[in-house]
């Protein structure tokens, strides 16, 4: 069970630096102001000017949603001004967020204690990490920041893909794409394995046997002396049933082998809104990483996004998915306390 898993890194994390908190507050206030302006809760006195006509503060705090929208629809110049201001602020926010990701002093938030790197470089333990995914391209689309972080920290990384993704008859093509992508993500070829099991077919309408998955994962852990497993959470990031079955299969393994001393982490799923905000999501990720007690959630930044896109580009048979390459991963401690051992989760 969860309480039997290793508790490495469960000390309180360092609070966010003051400049990060100030930036987060300013960005939240700016976003709130834009929303209020958009619906007309707050308006600015462009026509009368400050100090002329009706009381300026009365106009600033007036509730005129329909009047505001009607007024702007009649005055094209004002509408274009607001459009320009809003566009500029959105672009500025996006650029600031991207710089926050690329110029961060540490790829791990919180940085103390950092994810899997407690202690000095001389005493730090080199982990045998196993990433378990369902289909070729999962490693690039969802887990690239995690793989690059583990490689940069000197850990021994293995990747296990449980199917060839043959739903469209492209299994052999996707298998080769998978090997090339893993090489770009700094995973040695001899530590990459992809299965073509007759009972593990790719498809939304093809459920996987979680007992079989637990058995496969157990054997892989035994053969490679794995002490760290990373995979999807219960929702599976995209909600794909195969992703969710992988999570359940590892839950079965952890429940049946509570004394194995294997540490397990999962990739936290986010809302569709956060998925499409790109680097802007960094602010919410930072907030959540500091909100959890005991550093049970980490935000891993992608310091080399070009490598992630190159890896995803290898999956040319799945080109449309290049839009979803992540710039950061939120990694949380595996939670099996609600798992009943049959594939279901309690409340």
Protein backbone atom coordinates (compact mmCIF):
# COMPACT_ATOMS: atom_id res chain seq x y z
CA UNK A 1 0.00 0.00 0.00
CA UNK A 2 0.94 3.65 -0.22
CA UNK A 3 2.22 3.85 3.33
CA UNK A 4 4.67 1.05 2.56
CA UNK A 5 6.25 2.96 -0.31
CA UNK A 6 9.45 4.90 0.15
CA UNK A 7 8.93 8.37 1.52
CA UNK A 8 11.99 10.01 0.00
CA UNK A 9 11.51 13.73 -0.43
CA UNK A 10 8.52 14.02 1.91
CA UNK A 11 9.94 17.04 3.73
CA UNK A 12 8.30 20.44 3.46
CA UNK A 13 9.37 22.23 0.31
CA UNK A 14 10.86 25.72 0.18
CA UNK A 15 8.39 28.49 -0.41
CA UNK A 16 8.32 30.25 -3.72
CA UNK A 17 10.79 33.17 -4.09
CA UNK A 18 9.23 36.63 -3.49
CA UNK A 19 9.56 37.67 -7.13
CA UNK A 20 7.55 34.63 -8.24
CA UNK A 21 4.76 35.44 -5.80
CA UNK A 22 4.70 39.09 -6.91
CA UNK A 23 4.54 38.08 -10.57
CA UNK A 24 1.75 35.60 -9.86
CA UNK A 25 -0.30 38.24 -8.02
CA UNK A 26 0.20 40.83 -10.76
CA UNK A 27 -0.75 38.37 -13.47
CA UNK A 28 -3.87 37.28 -11.61
CA UNK A 29 -4.92 40.90 -11.06
CA UNK A 30 -4.32 41.68 -14.75
CA UNK A 31 -6.43 38.72 -15.81
CA UNK A 32 -9.21 39.74 -13.43
CA UNK A 33 -9.17 43.30 -14.78
CA UNK A 34 -9.43 42.04 -18.36
CA UNK A 35 -12.46 39.92 -17.46
CA UNK A 36 -14.16 42.85 -15.71
CA UNK A 37 -13.50 45.11 -18.67
CA UNK A 38 -14.79 42.53 -21.10
CA UNK A 39 -18.18 42.19 -19.40
CA UNK A 40 -18.46 45.86 -18.54
CA UNK A 41 -18.32 45.62 -14.77
CA UNK A 42 -15.53 48.22 -14.96
CA UNK A 43 -15.18 50.84 -17.70
CA UNK A 44 -12.57 53.46 -18.53
CA UNK A 45 -13.54 57.11 -19.39
CA UNK A 46 -12.07 57.39 -22.87
CA UNK A 47 -14.63 59.89 -24.17
CA UNK A 48 -14.94 62.38 -21.35
CA UNK A 49 -11.45 62.08 -19.93
CA UNK A 50 -10.41 62.23 -16.30
CA UNK A 51 -11.86 65.14 -14.42
CA UNK A 52 -14.53 65.99 -17.03
CA UNK A 53 -18.19 65.04 -17.33
CA UNK A 54 -19.56 62.66 -14.74
CA UNK A 55 -17.56 61.58 -11.72
CA UNK A 56 -14.63 59.44 -12.90
CA UNK A 57 -14.71 56.99 -9.99
CA UNK A 58 -18.45 56.52 -10.47
CA UNK A 59 -17.79 55.46 -14.06
CA UNK A 60 -14.92 53.22 -13.04
CA UNK A 61 -17.04 51.26 -10.57
CA UNK A 62 -20.37 51.40 -12.42
CA UNK A 63 -22.34 48.28 -13.32
CA UNK A 64 -23.08 48.78 -17.03
CA UNK A 65 -22.44 45.52 -18.84
CA UNK A 66 -24.97 46.01 -21.64
CA UNK A 67 -24.30 49.72 -21.97
CA UNK A 68 -20.56 49.15 -22.11
CA UNK A 69 -20.82 46.53 -24.84
CA UNK A 70 -23.33 48.66 -26.80
CA UNK A 71 -21.14 51.74 -26.50
CA UNK A 72 -18.07 49.89 -27.77
CA UNK A 73 -20.04 48.40 -30.64
CA UNK A 74 -20.87 51.97 -31.77
CA UNK A 75 -17.36 53.28 -31.38
CA UNK A 76 -15.10 51.16 -33.55
CA UNK A 77 -11.99 53.06 -32.48
CA UNK A 78 -12.50 52.22 -28.84
CA UNK A 79 -13.19 48.58 -29.73
CA UNK A 80 -9.99 48.36 -31.70
CA UNK A 81 -8.10 50.00 -28.84
CA UNK A 82 -9.33 47.41 -26.39
CA UNK A 83 -8.60 44.63 -28.86
CA UNK A 84 -5.04 45.90 -29.23
CA UNK A 85 -4.59 46.25 -25.47
CA UNK A 86 -5.96 42.77 -24.80
CA UNK A 87 -3.84 41.19 -27.55
CA UNK A 88 -0.72 42.94 -26.27
CA UNK A 89 -1.36 41.80 -22.70
CA UNK A 90 -1.97 38.21 -23.79
CA UNK A 91 1.23 38.13 -25.85
CA UNK A 92 3.18 39.74 -23.01
CA UNK A 93 1.85 37.20 -20.52
CA UNK A 94 2.78 34.34 -22.88
CA UNK A 95 6.32 35.68 -23.40
CA UNK A 96 6.87 36.27 -19.66
CA UNK A 97 5.66 32.74 -18.93
CA UNK A 98 7.92 31.24 -21.58
CA UNK A 99 10.92 33.12 -20.18
CA UNK A 100 9.98 31.90 -16.69
CA UNK A 101 10.17 28.33 -17.99
CA UNK A 102 13.35 28.69 -20.01
CA UNK A 103 15.30 30.90 -17.58
CA UNK A 104 14.36 29.13 -14.35
CA UNK A 105 17.33 28.54 -12.08
CA UNK A 106 16.17 24.95 -11.50
CA UNK A 107 14.11 22.63 -13.72
CA UNK A 108 12.35 21.37 -10.59
CA UNK A 109 9.83 23.29 -8.49
CA UNK A 110 10.13 23.27 -5.54
CA UNK A 111 13.90 23.03 -5.87
CA UNK A 112 14.48 22.07 -2.25
CA UNK A 113 14.10 19.21 -1.70
CA UNK A 114 14.32 18.58 -5.44
CA UNK A 115 12.58 15.63 -7.06
CA UNK A 116 14.83 12.54 -6.72
CA UNK A 117 17.95 14.59 -6.02
CA UNK A 118 18.14 15.02 -2.26
CA UNK A 119 21.67 15.34 -0.91
CA UNK A 120 24.92 16.36 -2.56
CA UNK A 121 26.06 15.02 -5.93
CA UNK A 122 28.55 12.80 -4.12
CA UNK A 123 25.92 11.09 -1.98
CA UNK A 124 22.94 11.23 -4.31
CA UNK A 125 21.63 7.79 -5.22
CA UNK A 126 21.41 6.93 -8.90
CA UNK A 127 17.94 5.52 -9.42
CA UNK A 128 16.77 2.83 -11.83
CA UNK A 129 13.66 4.54 -13.17
CA UNK A 130 11.00 2.87 -15.33
CA UNK A 131 8.50 4.90 -17.34
CA UNK A 132 5.46 2.81 -18.29
CA UNK A 133 3.32 4.07 -21.19
CA UNK A 134 0.52 2.61 -23.29
CA UNK A 135 1.35 3.68 -26.86
CA UNK A 136 4.27 4.93 -28.94
CA UNK A 137 4.30 8.76 -28.77
CA UNK A 138 3.09 8.84 -25.12
CA UNK A 139 6.71 9.23 -24.02
CA UNK A 140 7.18 12.34 -26.20
CA UNK A 141 3.73 13.88 -26.00
CA UNK A 142 3.24 13.60 -22.24
CA UNK A 143 6.46 12.63 -20.44
CA UNK A 144 9.27 14.42 -22.30
CA UNK A 145 10.01 16.92 -19.46
CA UNK A 146 10.21 14.05 -16.95
CA UNK A 147 12.52 11.93 -19.12
CA UNK A 148 14.84 14.85 -19.83
CA UNK A 149 14.92 15.79 -16.15
CA UNK A 150 15.79 12.25 -15.04
CA UNK A 151 18.54 12.04 -17.67
CA UNK A 152 19.98 15.41 -16.62
CA UNK A 153 20.10 14.23 -12.99
CA UNK A 154 22.11 11.15 -13.99
CA UNK A 155 19.44 8.54 -13.27
CA UNK A 156 19.27 5.27 -15.20
CA UNK A 157 16.11 5.57 -17.30
CA UNK A 158 14.12 2.71 -18.85
CA UNK A 159 10.94 2.98 -20.94
CA UNK A 160 8.33 0.25 -21.33
CA UNK A 161 5.62 0.69 -23.96
CA UNK A 162 2.82 -1.86 -23.60
CA UNK A 163 1.56 -1.83 -27.20
CA UNK A 164 2.66 -0.93 -30.72
CA UNK A 165 -0.32 1.39 -31.22
CA UNK A 166 -1.61 -0.72 -34.08
CA UNK A 167 -5.18 0.62 -34.06
CA UNK A 168 -4.74 1.99 -37.60
CA UNK A 169 -2.51 -0.80 -38.87
CA UNK A 170 0.67 1.24 -38.39
CA UNK A 171 2.14 -0.77 -35.54
CA UNK A 172 5.48 -1.54 -37.22
CA UNK A 173 5.93 2.10 -38.30
CA UNK A 174 5.09 3.43 -34.85
CA UNK A 175 7.47 0.96 -33.24
CA UNK A 176 10.43 2.38 -35.19
CA UNK A 177 9.27 5.92 -34.47
CA UNK A 178 9.21 5.07 -30.78
CA UNK A 179 12.84 3.91 -30.75
CA UNK A 180 14.04 7.03 -32.57
CA UNK A 181 12.08 9.34 -30.25
CA UNK A 182 13.49 7.67 -27.13
CA UNK A 183 17.02 8.15 -28.47
CA UNK A 184 16.36 11.88 -28.84
CA UNK A 185 15.05 11.93 -25.26
CA UNK A 186 18.38 10.44 -24.09
CA UNK A 187 17.13 6.94 -23.30
CA UNK A 188 19.62 4.23 -24.38
CA UNK A 189 18.22 1.86 -26.99
CA UNK A 190 18.95 -1.21 -24.85
CA UNK A 191 16.76 0.25 -22.12
CA UNK A 192 13.73 0.73 -24.37
CA UNK A 193 11.16 -2.02 -24.78
CA UNK A 194 7.91 -2.13 -26.73
CA UNK A 195 5.48 -5.05 -26.48
CA UNK A 196 3.15 -6.55 -29.06
CA UNK A 197 1.00 -8.68 -26.77
CA UNK A 198 -2.11 -10.33 -28.28
CA UNK A 199 -4.22 -9.19 -25.30
CA UNK A 200 -3.01 -5.60 -25.34
CA UNK A 201 -4.42 -4.06 -28.50
CA UNK A 202 -4.58 -0.29 -28.91
CA UNK A 203 -8.11 1.12 -28.98
CA UNK A 204 -10.72 3.08 -27.06
CA UNK A 205 -13.00 0.03 -27.17
CA UNK A 206 -10.31 -2.48 -26.18
CA UNK A 207 -9.96 -2.72 -22.38
CA UNK A 208 -6.77 -4.20 -21.00
CA UNK A 209 -6.48 -6.88 -18.33
CA UNK A 210 -5.02 -5.08 -15.31
CA UNK A 211 -3.86 -8.35 -13.73
CA UNK A 212 -1.85 -9.07 -16.89
CA UNK A 213 -0.42 -5.53 -16.79
CA UNK A 214 0.59 -5.97 -13.15
CA UNK A 215 2.36 -9.23 -14.04
CA UNK A 216 4.24 -7.62 -16.95
CA UNK A 217 5.31 -4.64 -14.85
CA UNK A 218 6.43 -6.90 -12.00
CA UNK A 219 8.63 -8.95 -14.34
CA UNK A 220 10.14 -5.81 -15.88
CA UNK A 221 10.91 -4.41 -12.42
CA UNK A 222 12.53 -7.69 -11.36
CA UNK A 223 14.69 -8.03 -14.49
CA UNK A 224 15.96 -4.46 -14.47
CA UNK A 225 16.19 -3.93 -10.68
CA UNK A 226 13.79 -0.99 -10.91
CA UNK A 227 13.26 1.09 -7.76
CA UNK A 228 11.22 3.93 -9.28
CA UNK A 229 8.12 3.73 -11.51
CA UNK A 230 6.45 6.65 -13.31
CA UNK A 231 3.22 6.42 -15.31
CA UNK A 232 -0.21 8.01 -15.87
CA UNK A 233 -2.61 8.97 -13.11
CA UNK A 234 -6.12 7.53 -12.83
CA UNK A 235 -7.52 9.84 -15.53
CA UNK A 236 -4.69 9.05 -17.92
CA UNK A 237 -3.98 12.69 -18.98
CA UNK A 238 -6.10 12.42 -22.15
CA UNK A 239 -8.71 10.08 -20.68
CA UNK A 240 -7.72 7.22 -23.02
CA UNK A 241 -8.95 3.89 -21.53
CA UNK A 242 -5.58 2.22 -22.22
CA UNK A 243 -3.78 4.95 -20.25
CA UNK A 244 -6.16 4.46 -17.34
CA UNK A 245 -5.71 0.68 -17.45
CA UNK A 246 -1.93 1.13 -17.20
CA UNK A 247 -2.45 3.14 -14.02
CA UNK A 248 -4.76 0.48 -12.59
CA UNK A 249 -2.35 -2.29 -13.49
CA UNK A 250 0.46 -0.58 -11.57
CA UNK A 251 -1.94 -0.06 -8.65
CA UNK A 252 -2.51 -3.83 -8.60
CA UNK A 253 1.24 -4.40 -8.61
CA UNK A 254 1.77 -1.97 -5.71
CA UNK A 255 -1.06 -3.52 -3.70
CA UNK A 256 0.24 -7.06 -4.26
CA UNK A 257 3.88 -6.13 -3.62
CA UNK A 258 3.67 -3.56 -0.84
CA UNK A 259 6.98 -4.75 0.60
CA UNK A 260 8.94 -4.33 -2.64
CA UNK A 261 10.17 -0.86 -1.69
CA UNK A 262 9.41 0.47 -5.18
CA UNK A 263 8.66 4.19 -5.26
CA UNK A 264 5.85 5.21 -7.62
CA UNK A 265 4.92 8.60 -9.11
CA UNK A 266 2.22 9.59 -11.56
CA UNK A 267 1.75 12.37 -14.12
CA UNK A 268 -1.05 14.64 -12.91
CA UNK A 269 -3.81 15.25 -15.44
CA UNK A 270 -4.87 18.86 -16.01
CA UNK A 271 -7.98 20.51 -17.42
CA UNK A 272 -8.31 21.17 -21.14
CA UNK A 273 -7.99 24.91 -20.41
CA UNK A 274 -4.57 24.42 -18.83
CA UNK A 275 -3.44 22.11 -21.64
CA UNK A 276 -3.97 24.80 -24.26
CA UNK A 277 -2.45 27.73 -22.36
CA UNK A 278 1.08 26.58 -23.14
CA UNK A 279 3.78 28.07 -20.90
CA UNK A 280 1.19 30.26 -19.13
CA UNK A 281 0.26 27.19 -17.09
CA UNK A 282 3.59 27.57 -15.25
CA UNK A 283 1.97 29.91 -12.72
CA UNK A 284 -0.74 27.44 -11.71
CA UNK A 285 1.80 24.61 -11.65
CA UNK A 286 4.04 26.61 -9.31
CA UNK A 287 1.08 27.42 -7.08
CA UNK A 288 -0.02 23.78 -6.79
CA UNK A 289 3.53 22.49 -6.27
CA UNK A 290 3.87 24.76 -3.21
CA UNK A 291 0.36 24.03 -1.95
CA UNK A 292 0.89 20.34 -1.26
CA UNK A 293 2.45 19.55 2.12
CA UNK A 294 5.58 17.43 2.23
CA UNK A 295 6.59 18.06 -1.39
CA UNK A 296 4.34 15.33 -2.75
CA UNK A 297 3.90 17.19 -6.02
CA UNK A 298 6.63 18.60 -8.26
CA UNK A 299 6.59 20.72 -11.39
CA UNK A 300 9.32 19.60 -13.81
CA UNK A 301 10.12 22.28 -16.39
CA UNK A 302 11.18 21.43 -19.91
CA UNK A 303 14.48 23.29 -20.26
CA UNK A 304 15.00 21.96 -23.77
CA UNK A 305 11.64 22.17 -25.58
CA UNK A 306 13.32 21.85 -28.98
CA UNK A 307 14.38 18.30 -28.08
CA UNK A 308 10.80 17.45 -27.12
CA UNK A 309 9.49 18.69 -30.46
CA UNK A 310 12.20 16.78 -32.31
CA UNK A 311 11.18 13.62 -30.46
CA UNK A 312 7.51 14.18 -31.28
CA UNK A 313 8.42 14.93 -34.88
CA UNK A 314 9.74 11.37 -35.15
CA UNK A 315 6.14 10.22 -34.73
CA UNK A 316 5.27 11.44 -38.23
CA UNK A 317 2.42 8.93 -38.48
CA UNK A 318 0.79 10.85 -35.62
CA UNK A 319 1.69 14.36 -36.82
CA UNK A 320 -1.46 16.01 -35.47
CA UNK A 321 -0.36 15.17 -31.93
CA UNK A 322 2.63 17.54 -32.16
CA UNK A 323 0.27 20.25 -30.95
CA UNK A 324 0.12 18.62 -27.52
CA UNK A 325 3.81 18.42 -26.60
CA UNK A 326 4.06 19.62 -23.01
CA UNK A 327 6.51 22.17 -21.63
CA UNK A 328 6.19 20.94 -18.04
CA UNK A 329 5.06 17.93 -16.02
CA UNK A 330 3.37 17.90 -12.65
CA UNK A 331 4.47 14.70 -10.90
CA UNK A 332 2.67 13.47 -7.78
CA UNK A 333 3.10 10.59 -5.38
CA UNK A 334 1.18 7.50 -6.44
CA UNK A 335 -2.07 7.19 -4.50
CA UNK A 336 -3.30 3.62 -4.14
CA UNK A 337 -5.11 4.04 -0.82
CA UNK A 338 -8.47 4.40 -2.61
CA UNK A 339 -7.80 1.48 -4.96
CA UNK A 340 -9.79 -1.63 -4.03
CA UNK A 341 -7.62 -4.06 -5.98
CA UNK A 342 -10.27 -4.85 -8.61
CA UNK A 343 -9.73 -1.89 -10.89
CA UNK A 344 -11.97 0.59 -9.11
CA UNK A 345 -11.32 3.63 -6.96
CA UNK A 346 -13.34 4.54 -3.91
CA UNK A 347 -14.33 8.02 -2.83
